[in-house]
Amino acid sequence: MTRIAVASRSFSRHRLLRGELEARHPDADITFNDDGLVLAGDGLIAYLRGHDKAITALEVLTDAVFEALPELTTISKLGVGFDMLDLDAMRVRGIRLGWTGGVNKRSVSELVVSAAIALLRHVPAANREVLDGRWRQQVGNHLSGRTVGIVGCGHVGQDLAPLLKAFGCRVLAHDIRDFPAFYAEHGVEAMALEPLLEAADIVTLHLPRDVSTENILSAERLALMKTGALLINMARGGLVDETALKTALTEGRLAGAALDVFANEPPEDRDLVALPNVLVTPHIGGSAEEAILAMGRSAIEGLENNCVPEPGAHPEGYGGYPAGG
């Protein structure tokens, strides 16, 4: 009998997804995380022990975890990020990965657009002022006509670009891969990272986190951004030097930032998240109901359709950052 462990809390509490998984595997022994446990280290090992396959989300699976679970043959990933998986260990041990990129792209794209408008119209600061008993009109700017730089033009970046073009934005893109047909069709200008940072009114990140993207927006690169520019990170924590970002926001070199992700979550720098020109959300980029269903169904599918990760082949971006979120 196949034994499946669902570590993901969101999947475990979703009645429709639970029902679809049970219908797909009527003869399997399925364990759900009904207690809503945050599973890590020894606790994660204990939860997964004795199972052949697992659906995981934010749980960190290291080589030590895999070593302790020799019976585990397959990991199916809920969501598009795979920085919490030791893919090299999976490859060496022959553990298969079920993963589908881009299943939450519209959810993330719409949140980016909403964040850009909120920052341009000073919504975070205005909201705080009203709550503090102050009533004054904040004068902001349109998103329409802005120059937006997309760093990482994979699934989310390519979904976002046409939405921005509908606002009449000039759209710039940087990616280590070239997408000439897409760029030509949507009027997107491809360029190197540094010129993009210098030209954009708004910079939005859509990269996975790995050795090639860690701290990609360093203090030096943040300093290249236009005075008064905005930064949006709805991708992965660890892409931005958060200390340097706080300084740039405090000194007024950057006008604002929207952050859905942090190097450590929940964020440890309370001064950063408390700034009036910062819009903070708790990693909700993929948390639209439509995206949750799409991610859950792809995770169910990944229990059967999967392969051993290979650099440059599966998942997209393994060994570089071309997947783009």
Protein backbone atom coordinates (compact mmCIF):
# COMPACT_ATOMS: atom_id res chain seq x y z
CA MET A 1 0.00 0.00 0.00
CA THR A 2 1.24 3.47 -0.91
CA ARG A 3 1.61 5.82 2.06
CA ILE A 4 1.34 9.55 1.38
CA ALA A 5 2.17 12.27 3.93
CA VAL A 6 0.77 15.77 3.41
CA ALA A 7 3.05 18.09 5.38
CA SER A 8 1.53 21.27 3.99
CA ARG A 9 -0.82 22.92 6.45
CA SER A 10 -2.77 24.82 3.79
CA PHE A 11 -3.39 21.66 1.75
CA SER A 12 -4.34 19.67 4.85
CA ARG A 13 -7.07 22.13 5.86
CA HIS A 14 -8.49 22.52 2.33
CA ARG A 15 -11.49 20.20 2.07
CA LEU A 16 -11.69 20.22 -1.71
CA LEU A 17 -8.03 19.36 -2.20
CA ARG A 18 -8.18 16.66 0.45
CA GLY A 19 -11.15 15.12 -1.31
CA GLU A 20 -9.46 15.24 -4.71
CA LEU A 21 -6.32 13.59 -3.32
CA GLU A 22 -8.33 10.83 -1.65
CA ALA A 23 -10.35 10.27 -4.81
CA ARG A 24 -7.15 10.06 -6.87
CA HIS A 25 -5.58 7.56 -4.44
CA PRO A 26 -8.48 5.59 -2.92
CA ASP A 27 -6.26 2.72 -1.79
CA ALA A 28 -3.50 4.84 -0.28
CA ASP A 29 -2.86 5.46 3.40
CA ILE A 30 -2.85 9.27 3.59
CA THR A 31 -1.66 11.29 6.58
CA PHE A 32 -2.79 14.93 6.78
CA ASN A 33 -1.25 17.61 8.98
CA ASP A 34 -4.53 18.10 10.84
CA ASP A 35 -2.87 19.67 13.86
CA GLY A 36 -1.37 22.46 11.76
CA LEU A 37 2.14 21.63 12.91
CA VAL A 38 5.11 23.69 11.74
CA LEU A 39 7.31 20.78 10.68
CA ALA A 40 11.07 21.07 10.73
CA GLY A 41 14.12 18.98 11.58
CA ASP A 42 13.41 15.97 13.77
CA GLY A 43 9.71 16.80 13.86
CA LEU A 44 9.54 16.71 10.07
CA ILE A 45 11.44 13.43 9.98
CA ALA A 46 9.07 11.89 12.52
CA TYR A 47 6.04 13.07 10.54
CA LEU A 48 7.31 11.73 7.21
CA ARG A 49 8.72 8.46 8.54
CA GLY A 50 7.13 5.37 7.00
CA HIS A 51 5.72 7.21 3.97
CA ASP A 52 6.64 6.59 0.35
CA LYS A 53 5.55 9.96 -0.97
CA ALA A 54 4.98 13.45 0.46
CA ILE A 55 3.39 16.75 -0.46
CA THR A 56 5.41 19.59 1.02
CA ALA A 57 5.24 23.39 0.86
CA LEU A 58 7.53 25.51 3.04
CA GLU A 59 9.06 22.57 4.88
CA VAL A 60 12.86 22.44 4.55
CA LEU A 61 14.11 19.08 3.33
CA THR A 62 17.87 18.70 3.71
CA ASP A 63 20.16 15.80 2.95
CA ALA A 64 20.00 14.86 6.65
CA VAL A 65 16.21 14.59 6.37
CA PHE A 66 16.46 12.38 3.29
CA GLU A 67 19.13 10.23 4.92
CA ALA A 68 16.80 9.55 7.84
CA LEU A 69 13.97 8.56 5.48
CA PRO A 70 15.32 5.92 3.07
CA GLU A 71 11.77 4.80 2.28
CA LEU A 72 10.81 8.21 0.86
CA THR A 73 10.83 8.06 -2.94
CA THR A 74 8.89 11.13 -4.08
CA ILE A 75 8.40 14.75 -3.05
CA SER A 76 5.59 16.68 -4.72
CA LYS A 77 5.95 20.40 -4.21
CA LEU A 78 3.02 22.65 -3.33
CA GLY A 79 3.98 26.01 -4.80
CA VAL A 80 6.67 27.06 -7.23
CA GLY A 81 9.63 27.76 -4.94
CA PHE A 82 12.15 24.98 -4.50
CA ASP A 83 14.84 26.77 -2.45
CA MET A 84 13.70 24.76 0.59
CA LEU A 85 14.64 21.49 -1.11
CA ASP A 86 18.17 20.10 -1.34
CA LEU A 87 17.93 19.22 -5.02
CA ASP A 88 21.48 17.91 -5.20
CA ALA A 89 20.73 15.45 -2.40
CA MET A 90 17.54 14.39 -4.17
CA ARG A 91 19.47 13.80 -7.37
CA VAL A 92 22.20 11.76 -5.65
CA ARG A 93 19.65 9.68 -3.73
CA GLY A 94 17.33 9.22 -6.71
CA ILE A 95 14.38 10.93 -5.01
CA ARG A 96 11.82 12.12 -7.54
CA LEU A 97 10.34 15.61 -7.60
CA GLY A 98 6.88 16.61 -8.76
CA TRP A 99 6.89 20.32 -9.54
CA THR A 100 5.04 22.69 -11.86
CA GLY A 101 6.22 26.24 -12.46
CA GLY A 102 3.95 29.22 -12.89
CA VAL A 103 0.79 27.83 -11.31
CA ASN A 104 0.41 30.89 -9.06
CA LYS A 105 1.64 33.50 -11.53
CA ARG A 106 -1.57 35.54 -11.85
CA SER A 107 -1.96 35.66 -8.09
CA VAL A 108 1.52 37.15 -7.74
CA SER A 109 1.15 39.48 -10.73
CA GLU A 110 -2.05 41.03 -9.41
CA LEU A 111 -0.48 41.55 -6.00
CA VAL A 112 2.46 43.33 -7.65
CA VAL A 113 0.13 45.68 -9.52
CA SER A 114 -1.87 46.40 -6.38
CA ALA A 115 1.33 47.07 -4.40
CA ALA A 116 2.71 49.39 -7.06
CA ILE A 117 -0.48 51.46 -7.07
CA ALA A 118 -0.61 51.48 -3.27
CA LEU A 119 2.94 52.79 -3.01
CA LEU A 120 2.49 55.37 -5.75
CA ARG A 121 -0.65 56.69 -4.04
CA HIS A 122 0.97 56.57 -0.56
CA VAL A 123 -1.71 54.19 0.71
CA PRO A 124 0.38 52.69 3.57
CA ALA A 125 1.28 56.13 4.97
CA ALA A 126 -2.23 57.54 4.46
CA ASN A 127 -3.80 54.56 6.18
CA ARG A 128 -1.52 54.94 9.20
CA GLU A 129 -2.30 58.65 9.44
CA VAL A 130 -6.05 58.09 9.47
CA LEU A 131 -5.69 55.41 12.14
CA ASP A 132 -3.63 57.88 14.18
CA GLY A 133 -6.41 60.47 13.92
CA ARG A 134 -4.89 62.63 11.20
CA TRP A 135 -6.95 63.53 8.12
CA ARG A 136 -5.06 64.95 5.15
CA GLN A 137 -5.00 64.17 1.48
CA GLN A 138 -1.83 62.56 0.17
CA VAL A 139 -0.92 63.46 -3.41
CA GLY A 140 0.61 60.58 -5.30
CA ASN A 141 1.23 59.43 -8.85
CA HIS A 142 -0.32 57.17 -11.47
CA LEU A 143 1.05 53.78 -12.36
CA SER A 144 0.14 54.69 -15.92
CA GLY A 145 3.18 55.83 -17.87
CA ARG A 146 5.75 54.64 -15.30
CA THR A 147 8.86 52.72 -16.34
CA VAL A 148 8.82 49.30 -14.66
CA GLY A 149 11.82 46.98 -14.54
CA ILE A 150 11.09 43.26 -14.19
CA VAL A 151 14.07 41.31 -12.84
CA GLY A 152 13.48 37.68 -13.75
CA CYS A 153 11.16 37.34 -16.74
CA GLY A 154 9.96 33.77 -16.31
CA HIS A 155 6.44 32.65 -15.48
CA VAL A 156 5.44 35.60 -13.28
CA GLY A 157 7.44 38.18 -15.21
CA GLN A 158 5.82 37.18 -18.49
CA ASP A 159 2.37 37.25 -16.88
CA LEU A 160 3.01 40.66 -15.33
CA ALA A 161 4.38 42.43 -18.41
CA PRO A 162 1.08 42.55 -20.39
CA LEU A 163 -0.77 43.79 -17.30
CA LEU A 164 1.69 46.66 -17.01
CA LYS A 165 1.47 47.43 -20.72
CA ALA A 166 -2.29 47.83 -20.28
CA PHE A 167 -1.45 50.76 -17.98
CA GLY A 168 0.74 52.28 -20.66
CA CYS A 169 3.93 51.44 -18.77
CA ARG A 170 7.30 51.18 -20.39
CA VAL A 171 8.41 47.66 -19.41
CA LEU A 172 12.07 46.67 -19.07
CA ALA A 173 13.22 43.12 -18.37
CA HIS A 174 16.38 41.41 -17.23
CA ASP A 175 16.88 37.65 -17.30
CA ILE A 176 19.82 35.36 -17.93
CA ARG A 177 17.71 33.75 -20.65
CA ASP A 178 16.49 35.55 -23.74
CA PHE A 179 12.83 35.61 -24.72
CA PRO A 180 12.95 37.50 -28.04
CA ALA A 181 9.52 36.41 -29.29
CA PHE A 182 7.83 37.39 -26.03
CA TYR A 183 9.68 40.70 -25.84
CA ALA A 184 8.77 41.58 -29.42
CA GLU A 185 5.11 40.62 -29.01
CA HIS A 186 4.63 42.72 -25.87
CA GLY A 187 7.01 45.60 -26.50
CA VAL A 188 9.32 44.68 -23.63
CA GLU A 189 12.86 46.04 -23.63
CA ALA A 190 15.51 43.52 -22.57
CA MET A 191 18.61 44.89 -20.87
CA ALA A 192 21.36 44.15 -18.38
CA LEU A 193 20.58 44.46 -14.69
CA GLU A 194 22.50 47.63 -13.90
CA PRO A 195 20.99 49.75 -16.72
CA LEU A 196 17.55 48.49 -15.75
CA LEU A 197 18.04 49.60 -12.15
CA GLU A 198 19.16 53.02 -13.32
CA ALA A 199 16.20 53.50 -15.67
CA ALA A 200 13.22 52.08 -13.80
CA ASP A 201 10.74 54.02 -11.67
CA ILE A 202 9.64 50.69 -10.18
CA VAL A 203 11.77 47.54 -9.87
CA THR A 204 9.97 44.26 -9.23
CA LEU A 205 11.80 41.00 -8.48
CA HIS A 206 10.69 37.61 -9.80
CA LEU A 207 13.57 35.24 -9.14
CA PRO A 208 14.07 32.04 -7.18
CA ARG A 209 16.61 32.17 -4.38
CA ASP A 210 19.81 30.23 -5.03
CA VAL A 211 23.54 30.85 -5.09
CA SER A 212 23.23 32.93 -8.27
CA THR A 213 20.55 35.28 -6.90
CA GLU A 214 21.43 35.55 -3.20
CA ASN A 215 21.65 39.26 -2.34
CA ILE A 216 21.35 40.15 -6.04
CA LEU A 217 20.17 43.61 -4.98
CA SER A 218 23.21 44.45 -2.88
CA ALA A 219 23.87 47.85 -1.35
CA GLU A 220 25.85 48.76 -4.45
CA ARG A 221 23.03 47.82 -6.81
CA LEU A 222 20.37 49.49 -4.67
CA ALA A 223 22.45 52.66 -4.96
CA LEU A 224 22.03 52.51 -8.74
CA MET A 225 18.26 52.91 -8.51
CA LYS A 226 16.74 56.28 -9.33
CA THR A 227 16.07 58.65 -6.47
CA GLY A 228 12.38 58.26 -5.67
CA ALA A 229 12.10 54.79 -7.22
CA LEU A 230 10.08 51.94 -5.72
CA LEU A 231 11.15 48.36 -5.03
CA ILE A 232 8.76 45.40 -4.98
CA ASN A 233 9.78 41.91 -3.86
CA MET A 234 7.04 39.30 -4.08
CA ALA A 235 9.45 36.52 -5.02
CA ARG A 236 11.83 35.20 -2.37
CA GLY A 237 13.54 36.55 0.71
CA GLY A 238 17.30 36.87 0.57
CA LEU A 239 17.35 38.60 -2.82
CA VAL A 240 17.74 42.06 -1.26
CA ASP A 241 20.20 43.48 1.27
CA GLU A 242 17.53 44.43 3.79
CA THR A 243 19.85 46.60 5.89
CA ALA A 244 20.86 48.64 2.85
CA LEU A 245 17.23 48.85 1.76
CA LYS A 246 16.22 50.24 5.16
CA THR A 247 18.92 52.89 4.89
CA ALA A 248 17.84 53.88 1.38
CA LEU A 249 14.21 54.17 2.49
CA THR A 250 15.04 56.08 5.67
CA GLU A 251 17.26 58.55 3.83
CA GLY A 252 14.66 59.09 1.10
CA ARG A 253 16.79 57.78 -1.75
CA LEU A 254 14.03 55.24 -2.44
CA ALA A 255 10.43 56.39 -2.13
CA GLY A 256 9.01 53.08 -0.97
CA ALA A 257 9.11 49.31 -0.96
CA ALA A 258 6.52 46.53 -0.99
CA LEU A 259 7.81 43.34 0.62
CA ASP A 260 5.94 40.03 0.73
CA VAL A 261 9.03 37.99 1.57
CA PHE A 262 12.06 38.32 3.83
CA ALA A 263 15.37 36.58 4.44
CA ASN A 264 13.89 35.34 7.73
CA GLU A 265 10.16 34.98 8.18
CA PRO A 266 8.54 36.50 10.14
CA PRO A 267 10.89 39.46 9.55
CA GLU A 268 13.27 40.21 12.39
CA ASP A 269 13.93 43.88 11.58
CA ARG A 270 10.90 45.59 13.10
CA ASP A 271 12.27 49.03 12.21
CA LEU A 272 12.20 48.14 8.51
CA VAL A 273 8.62 46.89 8.46
CA ALA A 274 7.44 49.84 10.57
CA LEU A 275 8.60 52.47 8.08
CA PRO A 276 5.67 54.53 6.75
CA ASN A 277 6.83 54.05 3.14
CA VAL A 278 6.93 50.25 3.40
CA LEU A 279 4.02 47.97 2.53
CA VAL A 280 4.42 44.57 4.17
CA THR A 281 2.41 41.39 3.59
CA PRO A 282 2.99 37.94 5.15
CA HIS A 283 4.12 35.91 2.11
CA ILE A 284 0.70 35.95 0.45
CA GLY A 285 1.80 36.16 -3.19
CA GLY A 286 0.27 32.79 -3.99
CA SER A 287 -2.56 32.99 -1.47
CA ALA A 288 -5.48 33.63 -3.77
CA GLU A 289 -8.05 30.83 -3.68
CA GLU A 290 -7.63 30.25 -7.41
CA ALA A 291 -3.87 29.88 -6.98
CA ILE A 292 -4.22 27.59 -3.96
CA LEU A 293 -6.42 25.24 -5.98
CA ALA A 294 -4.03 25.31 -8.93
CA MET A 295 -1.01 24.63 -6.72
CA GLY A 296 -2.79 21.88 -4.82
CA ARG A 297 -3.92 20.13 -7.97
CA SER A 298 -0.43 20.33 -9.45
CA ALA A 299 0.92 18.80 -6.22
CA ILE A 300 -1.57 15.93 -6.54
CA GLU A 301 -0.49 15.43 -10.14
CA GLY A 302 3.17 15.57 -9.09
CA LEU A 303 2.79 12.46 -6.96
CA GLU A 304 2.52 10.49 -10.21
CA ASN A 305 4.22 12.69 -12.81
CA ASN A 306 7.72 13.45 -11.56
CA CYS A 307 11.41 12.90 -12.19
CA VAL A 308 14.77 13.07 -10.46
CA PRO A 309 16.03 16.69 -10.54
CA GLU A 310 18.76 17.31 -13.08
CA PRO A 311 20.70 20.62 -13.35
CA GLY A 312 19.38 22.76 -16.17
CA ALA A 313 16.45 20.45 -16.85
CA HIS A 314 14.08 19.98 -13.95
CA PRO A 315 12.90 21.98 -12.22
CA GLU A 316 13.37 25.06 -14.38
CA GLY A 317 16.06 27.24 -12.91
CA TYR A 318 17.91 24.46 -11.04
CA GLY A 319 21.52 25.63 -11.31
CA GLY A 320 20.59 29.19 -12.37
CA TYR A 321 17.65 31.54 -12.16
CA PRO A 322 15.81 31.38 -15.49
CA ALA A 323 12.54 30.10 -14.02
CA GLY A 324 11.73 33.54 -12.67
CA GLY A 325 9.36 32.68 -9.85
